[in-house]
């Protein structure tokens, strides 16, 4: 800003002065989200410019963005709707025929894992 140095008795004494304004930046702020939803990733951060330099003030710092590590600990599998995916198995299938042809007997059945859970 320009301002008067001194006013005395209605008369200007002195001259206008030139005041430099330095660049001012804010604290680091997250930009978006971690690049992964599970495990180790990175996060972009930026520093906002609060005041631009004026009249020869100090210029903005060279680095106004950085990449920092981030860790997302929820590693359960999710479906297209963002819901957890549990272990999924097939229907029961006969794996052997009945042990007798008449009366009470036994037979074995099995089912397969379609989707394994991830731990």
PDB file of N, CA and C in Angstrom:
ATOM      1  N   UNK A   1       0.829  -1.187   0.000  1.00  0.00           N
ATOM      2  CA  UNK A   1       0.000   0.000   0.000  1.00  0.00           C
ATOM      3  C   UNK A   1       0.864   1.238   0.000  1.00  0.00           C
ATOM      4  N   UNK A   2       0.281   2.297  -0.458  1.00  0.00           N
ATOM      5  CA  UNK A   2       0.951   3.582  -0.393  1.00  0.00           C
ATOM      6  C   UNK A   2       0.316   4.356   0.741  1.00  0.00           C
ATOM      7  N   UNK A   3       1.127   5.091   1.490  1.00  0.00           N
ATOM      8  CA  UNK A   3       0.569   5.848   2.591  1.00  0.00           C
ATOM      9  C   UNK A   3       1.404   7.081   2.862  1.00  0.00           C
ATOM     10  N   UNK A   4       0.851   7.985   3.613  1.00  0.00           N
ATOM     11  CA  UNK A   4       1.571   9.202   3.968  1.00  0.00           C
ATOM     12  C   UNK A   4       2.513   8.893   5.118  1.00  0.00           C
ATOM     13  N   UNK A   5       3.690   9.485   5.084  1.00  0.00           N
ATOM     14  CA  UNK A   5       4.622   9.295   6.180  1.00  0.00           C
ATOM     15  C   UNK A   5       4.207  10.114   7.395  1.00  0.00           C
ATOM     16  N   UNK A   6       3.758  11.354   7.187  1.00  0.00           N
ATOM     17  CA  UNK A   6       3.425  12.204   8.335  1.00  0.00           C
ATOM     18  C   UNK A   6       2.589  13.388   7.845  1.00  0.00           C
ATOM     19  N   UNK A   7       1.606  13.727   8.596  1.00  0.00           N
ATOM     20  CA  UNK A   7       0.816  14.926   8.315  1.00  0.00           C
ATOM     21  C   UNK A   7       0.875  15.784   9.565  1.00  0.00           C
ATOM     22  N   UNK A   8       1.219  17.062   9.363  1.00  0.00           N
ATOM     23  CA  UNK A   8       1.327  17.959  10.509  1.00  0.00           C
ATOM     24  C   UNK A   8       0.634  19.276  10.176  1.00  0.00           C
ATOM     25  N   UNK A   9      -0.337  19.622  10.968  1.00  0.00           N
ATOM     26  CA  UNK A   9      -1.037  20.897  10.772  1.00  0.00           C
ATOM     27  C   UNK A   9      -1.678  21.021   9.414  1.00  0.00           C
ATOM     28  N   UNK A  10      -2.169  19.932   8.838  1.00  0.00           N
ATOM     29  CA  UNK A  10      -2.845  19.994   7.552  1.00  0.00           C
ATOM     30  C   UNK A  10      -1.889  20.011   6.387  1.00  0.00           C
ATOM     31  N   UNK A  11      -0.590  19.984   6.647  1.00  0.00           N
ATOM     32  CA  UNK A  11       0.385  19.966   5.559  1.00  0.00           C
ATOM     33  C   UNK A  11       1.057  18.602   5.469  1.00  0.00           C
ATOM     34  N   UNK A  12       1.324  18.202   4.266  1.00  0.00           N
ATOM     35  CA  UNK A  12       2.008  16.933   4.046  1.00  0.00           C
ATOM     36  C   UNK A  12       3.479  17.124   4.340  1.00  0.00           C
ATOM     37  N   UNK A  13       3.974  16.310   5.229  1.00  0.00           N
ATOM     38  CA  UNK A  13       5.411  16.335   5.522  1.00  0.00           C
ATOM     39  C   UNK A  13       5.930  14.939   5.187  1.00  0.00           C
ATOM     40  N   UNK A  14       6.860  14.819   4.332  1.00  0.00           N
ATOM     41  CA  UNK A  14       7.378  13.521   3.918  1.00  0.00           C
ATOM     42  C   UNK A  14       6.841  13.160   2.550  1.00  0.00           C
ATOM     43  N   UNK A  15       6.870  11.883   2.218  1.00  0.00           N
ATOM     44  CA  UNK A  15       6.471  11.411   0.903  1.00  0.00           C
ATOM     45  C   UNK A  15       5.594  10.170   1.038  1.00  0.00           C
ATOM     46  N   UNK A  16       5.036   9.785  -0.084  1.00  0.00           N
ATOM     47  CA  UNK A  16       4.339   8.498  -0.113  1.00  0.00           C
ATOM     48  C   UNK A  16       5.381   7.386  -0.004  1.00  0.00           C
ATOM     49  N   UNK A  17       5.020   6.296   0.651  1.00  0.00           N
ATOM     50  CA  UNK A  17       5.969   5.188   0.767  1.00  0.00           C
ATOM     51  C   UNK A  17       5.451   3.976   0.006  1.00  0.00           C
ATOM     52  N   UNK A  18       6.337   3.141  -0.412  1.00  0.00           N
ATOM     53  CA  UNK A  18       6.059   1.931  -1.178  1.00  0.00           C
ATOM     54  C   UNK A  18       6.215   0.749  -0.226  1.00  0.00           C
ATOM     55  N   UNK A  19       5.146  -0.039  -0.042  1.00  0.00           N
ATOM     56  CA  UNK A  19       5.197  -1.174   0.879  1.00  0.00           C
ATOM     57  C   UNK A  19       5.039  -2.462   0.073  1.00  0.00           C
ATOM     58  N   UNK A  20       6.052  -3.324   0.153  1.00  0.00           N
ATOM     59  CA  UNK A  20       6.003  -4.617  -0.531  1.00  0.00           C
ATOM     60  C   UNK A  20       5.108  -5.576   0.257  1.00  0.00           C
ATOM     61  N   UNK A  21       4.409  -6.427  -0.466  1.00  0.00           N
ATOM     62  CA  UNK A  21       3.563  -7.442   0.158  1.00  0.00           C
ATOM     63  C   UNK A  21       4.110  -8.805  -0.255  1.00  0.00           C
ATOM     64  N   UNK A  22       4.527  -9.596   0.744  1.00  0.00           N
ATOM     65  CA  UNK A  22       5.073 -10.927   0.470  1.00  0.00           C
ATOM     66  C   UNK A  22       3.947 -11.914   0.177  1.00  0.00           C
ATOM     67  N   UNK A  23       4.279 -12.943  -0.598  1.00  0.00           N
ATOM     68  CA  UNK A  23       3.340 -14.037  -0.843  1.00  0.00           C
ATOM     69  C   UNK A  23       3.102 -14.767   0.471  1.00  0.00           C
ATOM     70  N   UNK A  24       1.865 -15.148   0.694  1.00  0.00           N
ATOM     71  CA  UNK A  24       1.531 -15.932   1.877  1.00  0.00           C
ATOM     72  C   UNK A  24       0.766 -17.169   1.423  1.00  0.00           C
ATOM     73  N   UNK A  25       1.189 -18.333   1.952  1.00  0.00           N
ATOM     74  CA  UNK A  25       0.532 -19.594   1.613  1.00  0.00           C
ATOM     75  C   UNK A  25      -0.035 -20.234   2.869  1.00  0.00           C
ATOM     76  N   UNK A  26      -1.086 -21.022   2.689  1.00  0.00           N
ATOM     77  CA  UNK A  26      -1.730 -21.713   3.807  1.00  0.00           C
ATOM     78  C   UNK A  26      -1.055 -23.041   4.114  1.00  0.00           C
ATOM     79  N   UNK A  27      -1.623 -23.766   5.057  1.00  0.00           N
ATOM     80  CA  UNK A  27      -1.125 -25.090   5.441  1.00  0.00           C
ATOM     81  C   UNK A  27      -1.432 -26.104   4.345  1.00  0.00           C
ATOM     82  N   UNK A  28      -0.737 -27.239   4.394  1.00  0.00           N
ATOM     83  CA  UNK A  28      -0.971 -28.310   3.432  1.00  0.00           C
ATOM     84  C   UNK A  28      -2.390 -28.845   3.591  1.00  0.00           C
ATOM     85  N   UNK A  29      -3.083 -29.058   2.466  1.00  0.00           N
ATOM     86  CA  UNK A  29      -4.446 -29.587   2.451  1.00  0.00           C
ATOM     87  C   UNK A  29      -4.506 -30.777   1.498  1.00  0.00           C
ATOM     88  N   UNK A  30      -5.263 -31.824   1.890  1.00  0.00           N
ATOM     89  CA  UNK A  30      -5.432 -32.988   1.019  1.00  0.00           C
ATOM     90  C   UNK A  30      -6.200 -32.588  -0.238  1.00  0.00           C
ATOM     91  N   UNK A  31      -5.739 -33.112  -1.353  1.00  0.00           N
ATOM     92  CA  UNK A  31      -6.402 -32.894  -2.636  1.00  0.00           C
ATOM     93  C   UNK A  31      -6.934 -34.251  -3.085  1.00  0.00           C
ATOM     94  N   UNK A  32      -8.226 -34.440  -3.051  1.00  0.00           N
ATOM     95  CA  UNK A  32      -8.797 -35.731  -3.406  1.00  0.00           C
ATOM     96  C   UNK A  32      -8.611 -36.740  -2.287  1.00  0.00           C
ATOM     97  N   UNK A  33      -8.502 -38.018  -2.671  1.00  0.00           N
ATOM     98  CA  UNK A  33      -8.395 -39.101  -1.707  1.00  0.00           C
ATOM     99  C   UNK A  33      -7.150 -39.922  -1.980  1.00  0.00           C
ATOM    100  N   UNK A  34      -6.852 -40.829  -1.070  1.00  0.00           N
ATOM    101  CA  UNK A  34      -5.760 -41.772  -1.258  1.00  0.00           C
ATOM    102  C   UNK A  34      -5.997 -42.516  -2.573  1.00  0.00           C
ATOM    103  N   UNK A  35      -4.930 -42.815  -3.309  1.00  0.00           N
ATOM    104  CA  UNK A  35      -5.096 -43.434  -4.626  1.00  0.00           C
ATOM    105  C   UNK A  35      -5.462 -44.917  -4.562  1.00  0.00           C
ATOM    106  N   UNK A  36      -5.484 -45.509  -3.360  1.00  0.00           N
ATOM    107  CA  UNK A  36      -5.897 -46.902  -3.205  1.00  0.00           C
ATOM    108  C   UNK A  36      -7.006 -46.981  -2.167  1.00  0.00           C
ATOM    109  N   UNK A  37      -7.804 -48.035  -2.233  1.00  0.00           N
ATOM    110  CA  UNK A  37      -8.835 -48.248  -1.217  1.00  0.00           C
ATOM    111  C   UNK A  37      -8.403 -49.312  -0.231  1.00  0.00           C
ATOM    112  N   UNK A  38      -7.266 -49.957  -0.496  1.00  0.00           N
ATOM    113  CA  UNK A  38      -6.759 -51.001   0.390  1.00  0.00           C
ATOM    114  C   UNK A  38      -5.239 -51.005   0.321  1.00  0.00           C
ATOM    115  N   UNK A  39      -4.572 -50.945   1.468  1.00  0.00           N
ATOM    116  CA  UNK A  39      -3.115 -51.051   1.514  1.00  0.00           C
ATOM    117  C   UNK A  39      -2.423 -49.703   1.445  1.00  0.00           C
ATOM    118  N   UNK A  40      -1.160 -49.725   0.982  1.00  0.00           N
ATOM    119  CA  UNK A  40      -0.319 -48.527   0.932  1.00  0.00           C
ATOM    120  C   UNK A  40      -0.508 -47.790  -0.383  1.00  0.00           C
ATOM    121  N   UNK A  41      -0.620 -46.478  -0.296  1.00  0.00           N
ATOM    122  CA  UNK A  41      -0.778 -45.656  -1.489  1.00  0.00           C
ATOM    123  C   UNK A  41      -0.183 -44.287  -1.282  1.00  0.00           C
ATOM    124  N   UNK A  42      -0.652 -43.326  -2.059  1.00  0.00           N
ATOM    125  CA  UNK A  42      -0.187 -41.953  -1.895  1.00  0.00           C
ATOM    126  C   UNK A  42      -1.350 -40.979  -2.007  1.00  0.00           C
ATOM    127  N   UNK A  43      -1.147 -39.806  -1.464  1.00  0.00           N
ATOM    128  CA  UNK A  43      -2.156 -38.750  -1.385  1.00  0.00           C
ATOM    129  C   UNK A  43      -1.521 -37.454  -1.875  1.00  0.00           C
ATOM    130  N   UNK A  44      -2.174 -36.732  -2.744  1.00  0.00           N
ATOM    131  CA  UNK A  44      -1.697 -35.441  -3.208  1.00  0.00           C
ATOM    132  C   UNK A  44      -2.141 -34.361  -2.232  1.00  0.00           C
ATOM    133  N   UNK A  45      -1.225 -33.454  -1.894  1.00  0.00           N
ATOM    134  CA  UNK A  45      -1.542 -32.317  -1.037  1.00  0.00           C
ATOM    135  C   UNK A  45      -1.107 -31.032  -1.728  1.00  0.00           C
ATOM    136  N   UNK A  46      -1.825 -29.961  -1.453  1.00  0.00           N
ATOM    137  CA  UNK A  46      -1.505 -28.634  -2.006  1.00  0.00           C
ATOM    138  C   UNK A  46      -1.540 -27.592  -0.903  1.00  0.00           C
ATOM    139  N   UNK A  47      -0.796 -26.498  -1.124  1.00  0.00           N
ATOM    140  CA  UNK A  47      -0.838 -25.346  -0.222  1.00  0.00           C
ATOM    141  C   UNK A  47      -1.542 -24.211  -0.969  1.00  0.00           C
ATOM    142  N   UNK A  48      -2.637 -23.708  -0.429  1.00  0.00           N
ATOM    143  CA  UNK A  48      -3.331 -22.609  -1.118  1.00  0.00           C
ATOM    144  C   UNK A  48      -2.562 -21.299  -0.971  1.00  0.00           C
ATOM    145  N   UNK A  49      -2.652 -20.472  -1.994  1.00  0.00           N
ATOM    146  CA  UNK A  49      -2.058 -19.132  -1.923  1.00  0.00           C
ATOM    147  C   UNK A  49      -3.084 -18.214  -1.279  1.00  0.00           C
ATOM    148  N   UNK A  50      -2.724 -17.648  -0.157  1.00  0.00           N
ATOM    149  CA  UNK A  50      -3.620 -16.750   0.564  1.00  0.00           C
ATOM    150  C   UNK A  50      -3.476 -15.314   0.083  1.00  0.00           C
ATOM    151  N   UNK A  51      -2.212 -14.902  -0.187  1.00  0.00           N
ATOM    152  CA  UNK A  51      -1.936 -13.538  -0.657  1.00  0.00           C
ATOM    153  C   UNK A  51      -0.873 -13.631  -1.753  1.00  0.00           C
ATOM    154  N   UNK A  52      -1.181 -13.098  -2.925  1.00  0.00           N
ATOM    155  CA  UNK A  52      -0.203 -13.051  -4.013  1.00  0.00           C
ATOM    156  C   UNK A  52       0.842 -11.970  -3.701  1.00  0.00           C
ATOM    157  N   UNK A  53       2.098 -12.159  -4.135  1.00  0.00           N
ATOM    158  CA  UNK A  53       3.114 -11.126  -3.891  1.00  0.00           C
ATOM    159  C   UNK A  53       2.791  -9.861  -4.692  1.00  0.00           C
ATOM    160  N   UNK A  54       3.086  -8.717  -4.088  1.00  0.00           N
ATOM    161  CA  UNK A  54       2.828  -7.432  -4.740  1.00  0.00           C
ATOM    162  C   UNK A  54       4.001  -6.484  -4.504  1.00  0.00           C
ATOM    163  N   UNK A  55       4.238  -5.649  -5.478  1.00  0.00           N
ATOM    164  CA  UNK A  55       5.236  -4.580  -5.394  1.00  0.00           C
ATOM    165  C   UNK A  55       6.591  -5.062  -4.886  1.00  0.00           C
ATOM    166  N   UNK A  56       7.086  -6.165  -5.468  1.00  0.00           N
ATOM    167  CA  UNK A  56       8.427  -6.645  -5.134  1.00  0.00           C
ATOM    168  C   UNK A  56       8.508  -7.508  -3.892  1.00  0.00           C
ATOM    169  N   UNK A  57       7.373  -7.932  -3.359  1.00  0.00           N
ATOM    170  CA  UNK A  57       7.397  -8.804  -2.184  1.00  0.00           C
ATOM    171  C   UNK A  57       7.935 -10.185  -2.530  1.00  0.00           C
ATOM    172  N   UNK A  58       8.215 -10.973  -1.510  1.00  0.00           N
ATOM    173  CA  UNK A  58       8.739 -12.313  -1.715  1.00  0.00           C
ATOM    174  C   UNK A  58       7.786 -13.129  -2.565  1.00  0.00           C
ATOM    175  N   UNK A  59       8.359 -13.872  -3.513  1.00  0.00           N
ATOM    176  CA  UNK A  59       7.566 -14.689  -4.418  1.00  0.00           C
ATOM    177  C   UNK A  59       7.072 -15.941  -3.713  1.00  0.00           C
ATOM    178  N   UNK A  60       6.116 -16.614  -4.342  1.00  0.00           N
ATOM    179  CA  UNK A  60       5.564 -17.848  -3.783  1.00  0.00           C
ATOM    180  C   UNK A  60       6.650 -18.922  -3.741  1.00  0.00           C
ATOM    181  N   UNK A  61       6.546 -19.858  -2.782  1.00  0.00           N
ATOM    182  CA  UNK A  61       7.518 -20.947  -2.727  1.00  0.00           C
ATOM    183  C   UNK A  61       7.429 -21.798  -3.990  1.00  0.00           C
ATOM    184  N   UNK A  62       8.523 -22.469  -4.369  1.00  0.00           N
ATOM    185  CA  UNK A  62       8.517 -23.233  -5.620  1.00  0.00           C
ATOM    186  C   UNK A  62       7.619 -24.466  -5.587  1.00  0.00           C
ATOM    187  N   UNK A  63       7.436 -25.054  -4.426  1.00  0.00           N
ATOM    188  CA  UNK A  63       6.648 -26.285  -4.339  1.00  0.00           C
ATOM    189  C   UNK A  63       5.353 -26.041  -3.580  1.00  0.00           C
ATOM    190  N   UNK A  64       4.246 -25.997  -4.315  1.00  0.00           N
ATOM    191  CA  UNK A  64       2.938 -25.803  -3.699  1.00  0.00           C
ATOM    192  C   UNK A  64       2.119 -27.093  -3.704  1.00  0.00           C
ATOM    193  N   UNK A  65       2.733 -28.183  -4.168  1.00  0.00           N
ATOM    194  CA  UNK A  65       2.061 -29.474  -4.084  1.00  0.00           C
ATOM    195  C   UNK A  65       3.110 -30.531  -3.767  1.00  0.00           C
ATOM    196  N   UNK A  66       2.642 -31.604  -3.100  1.00  0.00           N
ATOM    197  CA  UNK A  66       3.522 -32.707  -2.742  1.00  0.00           C
ATOM    198  C   UNK A  66       2.699 -33.988  -2.683  1.00  0.00           C
ATOM    199  N   UNK A  67       3.395 -35.112  -2.695  1.00  0.00           N
ATOM    200  CA  UNK A  67       2.773 -36.416  -2.570  1.00  0.00           C
ATOM    201  C   UNK A  67       3.236 -37.020  -1.256  1.00  0.00           C
ATOM    202  N   UNK A  68       2.278 -37.460  -0.440  1.00  0.00           N
ATOM    203  CA  UNK A  68       2.603 -38.061   0.848  1.00  0.00           C
ATOM    204  C   UNK A  68       2.020 -39.473   0.901  1.00  0.00           C
ATOM    205  N   UNK A  69       2.643 -40.366   1.685  1.00  0.00           N
ATOM    206  CA  UNK A  69       2.105 -41.721   1.787  1.00  0.00           C
ATOM    207  C   UNK A  69       0.785 -41.755   2.542  1.00  0.00           C
ATOM    208  N   UNK A  70      -0.054 -42.723   2.214  1.00  0.00           N
ATOM    209  CA  UNK A  70      -1.303 -42.953   2.937  1.00  0.00           C
ATOM    210  C   UNK A  70      -1.525 -44.452   3.017  1.00  0.00           C
ATOM    211  N   UNK A  71      -2.243 -44.886   4.036  1.00  0.00           N
ATOM    212  CA  UNK A  71      -2.525 -46.308   4.238  1.00  0.00           C
ATOM    213  C   UNK A  71      -4.017 -46.464   4.463  1.00  0.00           C
ATOM    214  N   UNK A  72      -4.638 -47.276   3.656  1.00  0.00           N
ATOM    215  CA  UNK A  72      -6.043 -47.604   3.821  1.00  0.00           C
ATOM    216  C   UNK A  72      -6.099 -49.024   4.374  1.00  0.00           C
ATOM    217  N   UNK A  73      -6.679 -49.179   5.552  1.00  0.00           N
ATOM    218  CA  UNK A  73      -6.627 -50.468   6.237  1.00  0.00           C
ATOM    219  C   UNK A  73      -7.815 -51.375   5.954  1.00  0.00           C
ATOM    220  N   UNK A  74      -8.890 -50.862   5.388  1.00  0.00           N
ATOM    221  CA  UNK A  74     -10.046 -51.705   5.102  1.00  0.00           C
ATOM    222  C   UNK A  74      -9.806 -52.428   3.786  1.00  0.00           C
ATOM    223  N   UNK A  75      -9.329 -53.657   3.894  1.00  0.00           N
ATOM    224  CA  UNK A  75      -8.991 -54.416   2.684  1.00  0.00           C
ATOM    225  C   UNK A  75      -9.980 -55.519   2.384  1.00  0.00           C
ATOM    226  N   UNK A  76     -11.179 -55.426   2.922  1.00  0.00           N
ATOM    227  CA  UNK A  76     -12.172 -56.446   2.597  1.00  0.00           C
ATOM    228  C   UNK A  76     -12.637 -56.221   1.168  1.00  0.00           C
ATOM    229  N   UNK A  77     -12.850 -57.322   0.435  1.00  0.00           N
ATOM    230  CA  UNK A  77     -13.304 -57.157  -0.947  1.00  0.00           C
ATOM    231  C   UNK A  77     -14.681 -56.497  -0.981  1.00  0.00           C
ATOM    232  N   UNK A  78     -14.911 -55.713  -2.015  1.00  0.00           N
ATOM    233  CA  UNK A  78     -16.197 -55.033  -2.154  1.00  0.00           C
ATOM    234  C   UNK A  78     -16.753 -55.286  -3.548  1.00  0.00           C
ATOM    235  N   UNK A  79     -18.073 -55.229  -3.644  1.00  0.00           N
ATOM    236  CA  UNK A  79     -18.700 -55.422  -4.947  1.00  0.00           C
ATOM    237  C   UNK A  79     -18.877 -54.079  -5.643  1.00  0.00           C
ATOM    238  N   UNK A  80     -19.549 -54.086  -6.774  1.00  0.00           N
ATOM    239  CA  UNK A  80     -19.726 -52.864  -7.566  1.00  0.00           C
ATOM    240  C   UNK A  80     -20.489 -51.784  -6.814  1.00  0.00           C
ATOM    241  N   UNK A  81     -21.288 -52.188  -5.809  1.00  0.00           N
ATOM    242  CA  UNK A  81     -22.040 -51.217  -5.014  1.00  0.00           C
ATOM    243  C   UNK A  81     -21.274 -50.759  -3.787  1.00  0.00           C
ATOM    244  N   UNK A  82     -20.018 -51.211  -3.641  1.00  0.00           N
ATOM    245  CA  UNK A  82     -19.221 -50.821  -2.494  1.00  0.00           C
ATOM    246  C   UNK A  82     -19.523 -51.617  -1.238  1.00  0.00           C
ATOM    247  N   UNK A  83     -20.200 -52.756  -1.381  1.00  0.00           N
ATOM    248  CA  UNK A  83     -20.554 -53.596  -0.234  1.00  0.00           C
ATOM    249  C   UNK A  83     -19.541 -54.727  -0.078  1.00  0.00           C
ATOM    250  N   UNK A  84     -19.290 -55.183   1.174  1.00  0.00           N
ATOM    251  CA  UNK A  84     -18.333 -56.275   1.381  1.00  0.00           C
ATOM    252  C   UNK A  84     -18.763 -57.548   0.663  1.00  0.00           C
ATOM    253  N   UNK A  85     -17.790 -58.322   0.217  1.00  0.00           N
ATOM    254  CA  UNK A  85     -18.049 -59.590  -0.448  1.00  0.00           C
ATOM    255  C   UNK A  85     -17.634 -60.709   0.499  1.00  0.00           C
ATOM    256  N   UNK A  86     -18.582 -61.567   0.848  1.00  0.00           N
ATOM    257  CA  UNK A  86     -18.300 -62.716   1.689  1.00  0.00           C
ATOM    258  C   UNK A  86     -17.906 -63.892   0.810  1.00  0.00           C
ATOM    259  N   UNK A  87     -17.452 -64.948   1.469  1.00  0.00           N
ATOM    260  CA  UNK A  87     -17.175 -66.184   0.751  1.00  0.00           C
ATOM    261  C   UNK A  87     -18.473 -66.665   0.102  1.00  0.00           C
ATOM    262  N   UNK A  88     -18.386 -67.052  -1.168  1.00  0.00           N
ATOM    263  CA  UNK A  88     -19.574 -67.532  -1.872  1.00  0.00           C
ATOM    264  C   UNK A  88     -19.332 -68.968  -2.321  1.00  0.00           C
ATOM    265  N   UNK A  89     -20.319 -69.832  -2.055  1.00  0.00           N
ATOM    266  CA  UNK A  89     -20.186 -71.246  -2.420  1.00  0.00           C
ATOM    267  C   UNK A  89     -21.332 -71.671  -3.340  1.00  0.00           C
ATOM    268  N   UNK A  90     -21.092 -72.749  -4.051  1.00  0.00           N
ATOM    269  CA  UNK A  90     -22.111 -73.268  -4.975  1.00  0.00           C
ATOM    270  C   UNK A  90     -23.182 -74.022  -4.194  1.00  0.00           C
ATOM    271  N   UNK A  91     -24.224 -74.436  -4.895  1.00  0.00           N
ATOM    272  CA  UNK A  91     -25.233 -75.307  -4.298  1.00  0.00           C
ATOM    273  C   UNK A  91     -24.619 -76.690  -4.070  1.00  0.00           C
ATOM    274  N   UNK A  92     -25.257 -77.468  -3.175  1.00  0.00           N
ATOM    275  CA  UNK A  92     -24.794 -78.826  -2.916  1.00  0.00           C
ATOM    276  C   UNK A  92     -24.986 -79.682  -4.154  1.00  0.00           C
ATOM    277  N   UNK A  93     -23.980 -80.509  -4.457  1.00  0.00           N
ATOM    278  CA  UNK A  93     -24.020 -81.451  -5.583  1.00  0.00           C
ATOM    279  C   UNK A  93     -23.699 -82.849  -5.053  1.00  0.00           C
ATOM    280  N   UNK A  94     -24.395 -83.853  -5.554  1.00  0.00           N
ATOM    281  CA  UNK A  94     -24.081 -85.224  -5.167  1.00  0.00           C
ATOM    282  C   UNK A  94     -22.694 -85.593  -5.688  1.00  0.00           C
ATOM    283  N   UNK A  95     -21.876 -86.147  -4.804  1.00  0.00           N
ATOM    284  CA  UNK A  95     -20.561 -86.604  -5.251  1.00  0.00           C
ATOM    285  C   UNK A  95     -20.501 -88.144  -5.290  1.00  0.00           C
ATOM    286  N   UNK A  96     -21.424 -88.787  -4.613  1.00  0.00           N
ATOM    287  CA  UNK A  96     -21.542 -90.260  -4.702  1.00  0.00           C
ATOM    288  C   UNK A  96     -23.023 -90.598  -4.786  1.00  0.00           C
ATOM    289  N   UNK A  97     -23.306 -91.782  -5.223  1.00  0.00           N
ATOM    290  CA  UNK A  97     -24.710 -92.232  -5.224  1.00  0.00           C
ATOM    291  C   UNK A  97     -25.025 -92.834  -3.857  1.00  0.00           C
ATOM    292  N   UNK A  98     -26.294 -93.124  -3.621  1.00  0.00           N
ATOM    293  CA  UNK A  98     -26.743 -93.666  -2.340  1.00  0.00           C
ATOM    294  C   UNK A  98     -26.043 -95.005  -2.080  1.00  0.00           C
ATOM    295  N   UNK A  99     -25.724 -95.257  -0.824  1.00  0.00           N
ATOM    296  CA  UNK A  99     -24.976 -96.466  -0.459  1.00  0.00           C
ATOM    297  C   UNK A  99     -25.832 -97.738  -0.519  1.00  0.00           C
ATOM    298  N   UNK A 100     -27.143 -97.603  -0.563  1.00  0.00           N
ATOM    299  CA  UNK A 100     -28.041 -98.765  -0.661  1.00  0.00           C
ATOM    300  C   UNK A 100     -29.055 -98.507  -1.762  1.00  0.00           C
ATOM    301  N   UNK A 101     -29.646 -99.553  -2.258  1.00  0.00           N
ATOM    302  CA  UNK A 101     -30.685 -99.404  -3.276  1.00  0.00           C
ATOM    303  C   UNK A 101     -32.065 -99.479  -2.670  1.00  0.00           C
ATOM    304  N   UNK A 102     -32.145 -99.894  -1.389  1.00  0.00           N
ATOM    305  CA  UNK A 102     -33.426 -99.983  -0.717  1.00  0.00           C
ATOM    306  C   UNK A 102     -33.217 -99.686   0.762  1.00  0.00           C
ATOM    307  N   UNK A 103     -34.068 -98.847   1.365  1.00  0.00           N
ATOM    308  CA  UNK A 103     -33.962 -98.502   2.781  1.00  0.00           C
ATOM    309  C   UNK A 103     -33.116 -97.258   3.000  1.00  0.00           C
ATOM    310  N   UNK A 104     -32.652 -97.129   4.263  1.00  0.00           N
ATOM    311  CA  UNK A 104     -31.875 -95.941   4.624  1.00  0.00           C
ATOM    312  C   UNK A 104     -30.406 -96.168   4.324  1.00  0.00           C
ATOM    313  N   UNK A 105     -29.815 -95.227   3.605  1.00  0.00           N
ATOM    314  CA  UNK A 105     -28.395 -95.290   3.294  1.00  0.00           C
ATOM    315  C   UNK A 105     -27.782 -93.905   3.388  1.00  0.00           C
ATOM    316  N   UNK A 106     -26.631 -93.761   2.853  1.00  0.00           N
ATOM    317  CA  UNK A 106     -25.930 -92.464   2.874  1.00  0.00           C
ATOM    318  C   UNK A 106     -25.401 -92.154   1.481  1.00  0.00           C
ATOM    319  N   UNK A 107     -25.168 -90.925   1.256  1.00  0.00           N
ATOM    320  CA  UNK A 107     -24.472 -90.466   0.060  1.00  0.00           C
ATOM    321  C   UNK A 107     -23.735 -89.185   0.420  1.00  0.00           C
ATOM    322  N   UNK A 108     -22.697 -88.885  -0.281  1.00  0.00           N
ATOM    323  CA  UNK A 108     -21.901 -87.691  -0.013  1.00  0.00           C
ATOM    324  C   UNK A 108     -22.288 -86.588  -0.986  1.00  0.00           C
ATOM    325  N   UNK A 109     -22.223 -85.365  -0.458  1.00  0.00           N
ATOM    326  CA  UNK A 109     -22.439 -84.187  -1.300  1.00  0.00           C
ATOM    327  C   UNK A 109     -21.294 -83.221  -1.052  1.00  0.00           C
ATOM    328  N   UNK A 110     -21.080 -82.395  -1.997  1.00  0.00           N
ATOM    329  CA  UNK A 110     -20.041 -81.364  -1.859  1.00  0.00           C
ATOM    330  C   UNK A 110     -20.487 -80.093  -2.559  1.00  0.00           C
ATOM    331  N   UNK A 111     -19.818 -79.025  -2.199  1.00  0.00           N
ATOM    332  CA  UNK A 111     -20.039 -77.762  -2.901  1.00  0.00           C
ATOM    333  C   UNK A 111     -18.693 -77.073  -3.066  1.00  0.00           C
ATOM    334  N   UNK A 112     -18.610 -76.216  -4.058  1.00  0.00           N
ATOM    335  CA  UNK A 112     -17.348 -75.555  -4.405  1.00  0.00           C
ATOM    336  C   UNK A 112     -17.369 -74.109  -3.950  1.00  0.00           C
ATOM    337  N   UNK A 113     -16.169 -73.596  -3.704  1.00  0.00           N
ATOM    338  CA  UNK A 113     -16.022 -72.172  -3.382  1.00  0.00           C
ATOM    339  C   UNK A 113     -16.012 -71.408  -4.701  1.00  0.00           C
ATOM    340  N   UNK A 114     -16.953 -70.473  -4.837  1.00  0.00           N
ATOM    341  CA  UNK A 114     -17.030 -69.652  -6.043  1.00  0.00           C
ATOM    342  C   UNK A 114     -16.174 -68.396  -5.872  1.00  0.00           C
ATOM    343  N   UNK A 115     -16.299 -67.734  -4.704  1.00  0.00           N
ATOM    344  CA  UNK A 115     -15.524 -66.535  -4.392  1.00  0.00           C
ATOM    345  C   UNK A 115     -14.877 -66.722  -3.027  1.00  0.00           C
ATOM    346  N   UNK A 116     -13.567 -66.682  -3.005  1.00  0.00           N
ATOM    347  CA  UNK A 116     -12.849 -66.813  -1.731  1.00  0.00           C
ATOM    348  C   UNK A 116     -12.785 -65.462  -1.031  1.00  0.00           C
ATOM    349  N   UNK A 117     -12.920 -65.459   0.298  1.00  0.00           N
ATOM    350  CA  UNK A 117     -12.749 -64.193   1.017  1.00  0.00           C
ATOM    351  C   UNK A 117     -11.274 -63.781   0.986  1.00  0.00           C
ATOM    352  N   UNK A 118     -11.030 -62.496   1.069  1.00  0.00           N
ATOM    353  CA  UNK A 118      -9.661 -61.986   1.093  1.00  0.00           C
ATOM    354  C   UNK A 118      -9.412 -61.403   2.475  1.00  0.00           C
ATOM    355  N   UNK A 119      -8.337 -61.812   3.107  1.00  0.00           N
ATOM    356  CA  UNK A 119      -8.025 -61.332   4.456  1.00  0.00           C
ATOM    357  C   UNK A 119      -6.830 -60.436   4.434  1.00  0.00           C
TER     358      UNK A 119
END
